[in-house]
Protein backbone atom coordinates (compact mmCIF):
# COMPACT_ATOMS: atom_id res chain seq x y z
CA MET A 1 -34.10 13.36 -3.22
CA SER A 2 -32.11 16.33 -3.37
CA THR A 3 -30.68 18.09 0.12
CA LEU A 4 -30.15 21.79 0.76
CA SER A 5 -26.67 21.35 0.04
CA ASP A 6 -27.64 20.15 -3.68
CA LEU A 7 -29.72 23.32 -3.98
CA PRO A 8 -27.28 26.28 -4.07
CA LEU A 9 -29.65 28.91 -5.28
CA LYS A 10 -31.32 30.46 -2.17
CA ILE A 11 -35.07 32.17 -2.52
CA LEU A 12 -36.31 34.22 0.37
CA VAL A 13 -40.20 34.20 0.67
CA VAL A 14 -41.37 37.16 2.73
CA ASP A 15 -44.86 36.60 3.79
CA ASP A 16 -46.97 37.23 6.83
CA GLU A 17 -49.37 34.64 5.89
CA ARG A 18 -48.16 31.18 7.08
CA PRO A 19 -50.35 29.09 4.17
CA ILE A 20 -48.70 31.23 1.56
CA ARG A 21 -45.16 30.44 3.08
CA ARG A 22 -46.21 26.84 3.42
CA PHE A 23 -47.50 26.64 -0.42
CA LEU A 24 -44.32 28.34 -1.61
CA ASN A 25 -42.05 26.24 -0.09
CA ALA A 26 -44.14 23.17 -1.31
CA SER A 27 -43.95 24.56 -4.67
CA LEU A 28 -40.40 25.61 -4.68
CA GLY A 29 -38.26 23.75 -2.23
CA ASN A 30 -37.54 20.70 -4.70
CA ARG A 31 -35.98 23.39 -7.18
CA TYR A 32 -34.42 25.91 -4.52
CA THR A 33 -33.35 26.27 -0.93
CA ILE A 34 -36.26 28.28 0.69
CA LEU A 35 -35.52 30.96 3.42
CA GLU A 36 -38.61 32.60 5.26
CA ALA A 37 -39.45 35.69 6.84
CA GLU A 38 -42.79 36.85 8.05
CA ASN A 39 -42.23 40.85 8.25
CA GLY A 40 -40.23 43.63 6.82
CA GLY A 41 -37.44 43.87 9.46
CA GLU A 42 -36.69 40.13 9.58
CA ALA A 43 -36.80 40.03 5.64
CA ILE A 44 -33.85 42.54 5.45
CA GLN A 45 -31.74 40.97 8.26
CA ILE A 46 -31.94 37.63 6.67
CA ALA A 47 -31.34 39.17 3.04
CA ALA A 48 -27.87 40.78 4.84
CA LEU A 49 -27.02 37.38 6.60
CA ASN A 50 -27.63 34.96 3.76
CA ARG A 51 -27.45 36.77 0.57
CA PRO A 52 -30.33 34.60 -1.25
CA ASP A 53 -30.25 34.61 -4.98
CA LEU A 54 -34.09 35.94 -5.26
CA ILE A 55 -36.81 37.28 -2.87
CA ILE A 56 -40.36 36.95 -3.16
CA LEU A 57 -42.25 39.72 -1.41
CA ASP A 58 -45.47 40.46 -0.43
CA LEU A 59 -46.60 44.25 0.07
CA GLY A 60 -48.63 43.74 3.13
CA LEU A 61 -46.66 43.30 5.81
CA PRO A 62 -47.15 43.86 9.50
CA ASP A 63 -44.28 46.22 10.49
CA MET A 64 -43.72 48.27 7.06
CA ASP A 65 -44.94 47.97 3.28
CA GLY A 66 -43.27 45.96 0.87
CA THR A 67 -42.44 48.87 -1.33
CA GLU A 68 -40.48 50.03 1.78
CA VAL A 69 -38.67 46.78 1.79
CA THR A 70 -37.69 47.23 -1.72
CA ARG A 71 -36.43 50.47 -1.48
CA ARG A 72 -34.27 49.38 1.80
CA LEU A 73 -32.84 46.52 -0.03
CA ARG A 74 -32.03 48.52 -3.29
CA GLU A 75 -29.57 50.68 -0.94
CA TRP A 76 -27.35 47.78 -0.82
CA THR A 77 -28.17 44.81 -3.02
CA ASP A 78 -29.33 44.26 -6.70
CA VAL A 79 -31.03 40.73 -5.77
CA PRO A 80 -33.96 40.19 -7.82
CA VAL A 81 -37.37 41.07 -6.29
CA ILE A 82 -40.62 39.67 -7.24
CA VAL A 83 -43.60 41.08 -5.54
CA ILE A 84 -46.56 39.02 -5.17
CA SER A 85 -49.54 40.72 -3.74
CA VAL A 86 -53.53 40.75 -3.43
CA ARG A 87 -53.32 44.46 -4.59
CA ASP A 88 -53.84 44.95 -8.39
CA SER A 89 -54.25 48.62 -8.87
CA GLU A 90 -51.76 50.31 -11.23
CA GLN A 91 -50.53 52.58 -8.39
CA ASP A 92 -49.43 49.66 -6.50
CA LYS A 93 -47.60 47.96 -9.42
CA VAL A 94 -45.79 51.21 -10.55
CA ALA A 95 -44.82 52.35 -6.63
CA ALA A 96 -43.49 48.71 -6.41
CA LEU A 97 -41.66 48.54 -9.81
CA ASP A 98 -40.24 52.29 -9.22
CA ALA A 99 -39.04 51.20 -5.84
CA GLY A 100 -36.86 48.59 -7.42
CA ALA A 101 -38.82 45.40 -7.80
CA ASP A 102 -38.14 43.32 -10.89
CA ASP A 103 -41.51 41.94 -11.38
CA TYR A 104 -45.14 41.83 -10.02
CA LEU A 105 -47.53 38.92 -9.70
CA THR A 106 -51.05 39.39 -8.22
CA LYS A 107 -52.32 37.06 -6.09
CA PRO A 108 -53.61 34.21 -6.66
CA PHE A 109 -51.23 32.92 -9.12
CA GLY A 110 -50.17 29.84 -10.93
CA THR A 111 -47.31 28.03 -9.97
CA SER A 112 -45.85 27.68 -13.50
CA GLU A 113 -46.16 31.08 -14.16
CA LEU A 114 -44.27 31.93 -10.88
CA LEU A 115 -41.66 29.38 -11.93
CA ALA A 116 -41.01 31.01 -15.32
CA ARG A 117 -41.01 34.55 -13.67
CA ILE A 118 -38.32 33.31 -11.08
CA ARG A 119 -35.99 31.61 -13.84
CA VAL A 120 -36.21 34.90 -16.14
CA ALA A 121 -35.25 36.92 -13.13
CA LEU A 122 -32.40 34.60 -12.18
CA ARG A 123 -31.29 34.39 -15.74
CA ARG A 124 -31.06 38.14 -15.92
CA SER A 125 -29.21 38.44 -12.94
CA ASN A 126 -26.73 36.01 -13.66
CA LYS A 127 -25.65 37.86 -16.92
CA PRO A 128 -22.36 39.58 -16.76
CA GLU A 129 -22.41 43.33 -15.93
CA THR A 130 -20.91 44.40 -18.90
CA GLU A 131 -23.16 44.58 -21.98
CA SER A 132 -22.92 41.52 -24.45
CA ALA A 133 -21.94 42.23 -27.67
CA VAL A 134 -25.15 40.36 -29.33
CA TYR A 135 -28.31 39.74 -27.82
CA GLN A 136 -30.30 36.89 -29.52
CA ASN A 137 -33.71 35.47 -28.60
CA ASN A 138 -36.91 34.35 -30.12
CA GLY A 139 -35.90 35.53 -33.58
CA LEU A 140 -34.63 39.05 -32.46
CA SER A 141 -31.01 39.86 -32.71
CA VAL A 142 -29.58 43.02 -31.46
CA ASN A 143 -25.73 43.67 -31.96
CA PHE A 144 -24.75 46.52 -29.67
CA ILE A 145 -21.38 47.14 -31.51
CA LYS A 146 -22.84 47.33 -35.16
CA ARG A 147 -26.13 49.10 -33.69
CA GLU A 148 -27.35 46.44 -35.89
CA VAL A 149 -31.13 44.94 -35.32
CA LEU A 150 -32.43 41.72 -37.14
CA VAL A 151 -35.94 40.01 -37.06
CA ASN A 152 -35.66 36.36 -38.35
CA GLU A 153 -32.33 37.61 -39.75
CA ARG A 154 -33.85 40.38 -41.66
CA PRO A 155 -32.42 43.75 -41.08
CA VAL A 156 -34.66 46.24 -39.62
CA THR A 157 -33.98 50.11 -39.67
CA LEU A 158 -34.83 51.88 -35.99
CA THR A 159 -34.66 55.62 -35.45
CA PRO A 160 -31.87 56.55 -32.80
CA THR A 161 -35.07 56.94 -30.33
CA GLU A 162 -36.35 53.49 -31.23
CA TYR A 163 -33.13 52.04 -30.88
CA ASN A 164 -32.41 53.42 -27.62
CA ILE A 165 -35.95 52.16 -26.07
CA LEU A 166 -35.01 48.83 -27.48
CA LYS A 167 -31.35 48.94 -26.02
CA ILE A 168 -33.12 49.65 -22.50
CA LEU A 169 -35.70 46.81 -22.91
CA VAL A 170 -32.81 44.53 -23.79
CA ASN A 171 -30.73 45.40 -21.09
CA HIS A 172 -33.66 44.49 -18.51
CA ALA A 173 -35.02 41.69 -20.59
CA GLY A 174 -37.82 40.13 -18.66
CA LYS A 175 -37.91 42.89 -16.15
CA VAL A 176 -41.08 44.92 -16.13
CA LEU A 177 -40.13 48.68 -16.89
CA THR A 178 -42.34 51.57 -15.87
CA HIS A 179 -43.45 54.29 -18.29
CA GLN A 180 -41.62 56.66 -15.99
CA GLN A 181 -38.42 54.54 -15.87
CA LEU A 182 -38.37 54.43 -19.86
CA ILE A 183 -39.06 58.03 -20.49
CA ARG A 184 -36.25 59.10 -17.96
CA GLU A 185 -33.72 56.93 -19.26
CA VAL A 186 -34.63 57.88 -23.08
CA TRP A 187 -35.70 61.54 -22.81
CA GLY A 188 -34.56 62.46 -19.25
CA GLY A 189 -36.53 64.01 -16.32
CA ASN A 190 -37.98 66.70 -18.03
CA TYR A 191 -39.95 64.57 -19.99
CA GLU A 192 -41.71 62.34 -17.54
CA ALA A 193 -45.18 63.77 -17.93
CA ASP A 194 -45.22 62.95 -21.66
CA ALA A 195 -46.41 59.30 -22.08
CA HIS A 196 -47.40 60.09 -25.57
CA LEU A 197 -44.04 59.97 -26.77
CA LEU A 198 -43.34 56.54 -25.53
CA ARG A 199 -46.56 55.25 -26.68
CA VAL A 200 -45.79 56.51 -30.29
CA ASN A 201 -42.22 55.28 -30.17
CA ILE A 202 -43.24 51.82 -28.94
CA SER A 203 -46.03 51.55 -31.45
CA ASN A 204 -43.55 52.35 -34.23
CA LEU A 205 -40.97 49.80 -32.77
CA ARG A 206 -43.52 47.18 -32.81
CA HIS A 207 -44.39 47.70 -36.36
CA LYS A 208 -40.67 47.21 -37.01
CA ILE A 209 -39.98 44.17 -35.15
CA GLU A 210 -43.24 42.35 -34.45
CA SER A 211 -44.56 39.81 -36.87
CA ASP A 212 -48.19 41.19 -36.01
CA PRO A 213 -48.09 44.66 -34.14
CA LEU A 214 -51.45 43.86 -32.73
CA ARG A 215 -50.26 40.33 -30.84
CA PRO A 216 -46.81 41.64 -29.93
CA GLN A 217 -44.20 38.39 -29.00
CA HIS A 218 -41.48 40.94 -28.18
CA ILE A 219 -42.63 44.20 -26.49
CA ILE A 220 -45.41 43.17 -24.06
CA THR A 221 -47.57 45.82 -22.37
CA GLU A 222 -48.10 45.50 -18.71
CA PRO A 223 -51.47 47.30 -18.60
CA GLY A 224 -51.50 50.92 -16.86
CA VAL A 225 -47.72 50.18 -15.75
CA GLY A 226 -45.24 49.92 -18.77
CA TYR A 227 -43.46 47.41 -20.91
CA ARG A 228 -41.17 44.25 -20.87
CA LEU A 229 -39.28 42.23 -23.39
CA LYS A 230 -40.33 38.79 -23.39
CA GLU A 231 -37.87 36.14 -23.21
CA ILE A 232 -38.54 32.82 -24.59
CA GLU A 233 -36.64 30.39 -22.64
CA LYS A 234 -33.86 28.47 -24.35
CA ILE A 235 -34.10 24.67 -23.79
């Protein structure tokens, strides 16, 4: 049986409901060292003292909203934050992601899905800050030096805008990016209200890199929120 010293990766679970913390501890405790906090202030303090590798954060905390906790964390740390919440409105999801959360799961959720989201977030956070020369996953290859895109070893020609969108998605692979985040990074702040531009370019991009644009395997839509580049785990 593993001991805490054998589990170097630490996950901070922030939820005011003891049963949820107990459930997550039971589900994750044999894989990760679990730290717990029941309110936002305690979460920020524990994060500062213990430097967890990932934070699972509820939005409905007794002292401050989880979105505010995320904003305060982002002032000094890039630790991956996965929001879990009963709130399922687009506005809540967008607000949390725009505040700096990496992912959003609506309660109730399956343990397998949570574990997969954790693995993706941890893998992304462990990538070197300098951009890798080549990204490869699930048949998609992007060579940043040559500005070359291959799908199943077949060259694909993209417009500059399509390439920039794909590059941003690749650099944040596995992370949900809101419409506003993508528009801001590709076109700048003056275009933030024009979601049509983004939809058209995403559609064109899918027709070029997806085997079936209607059932995309790479660029996944998060309804009402944005998009993420799906990564297939390497065994």
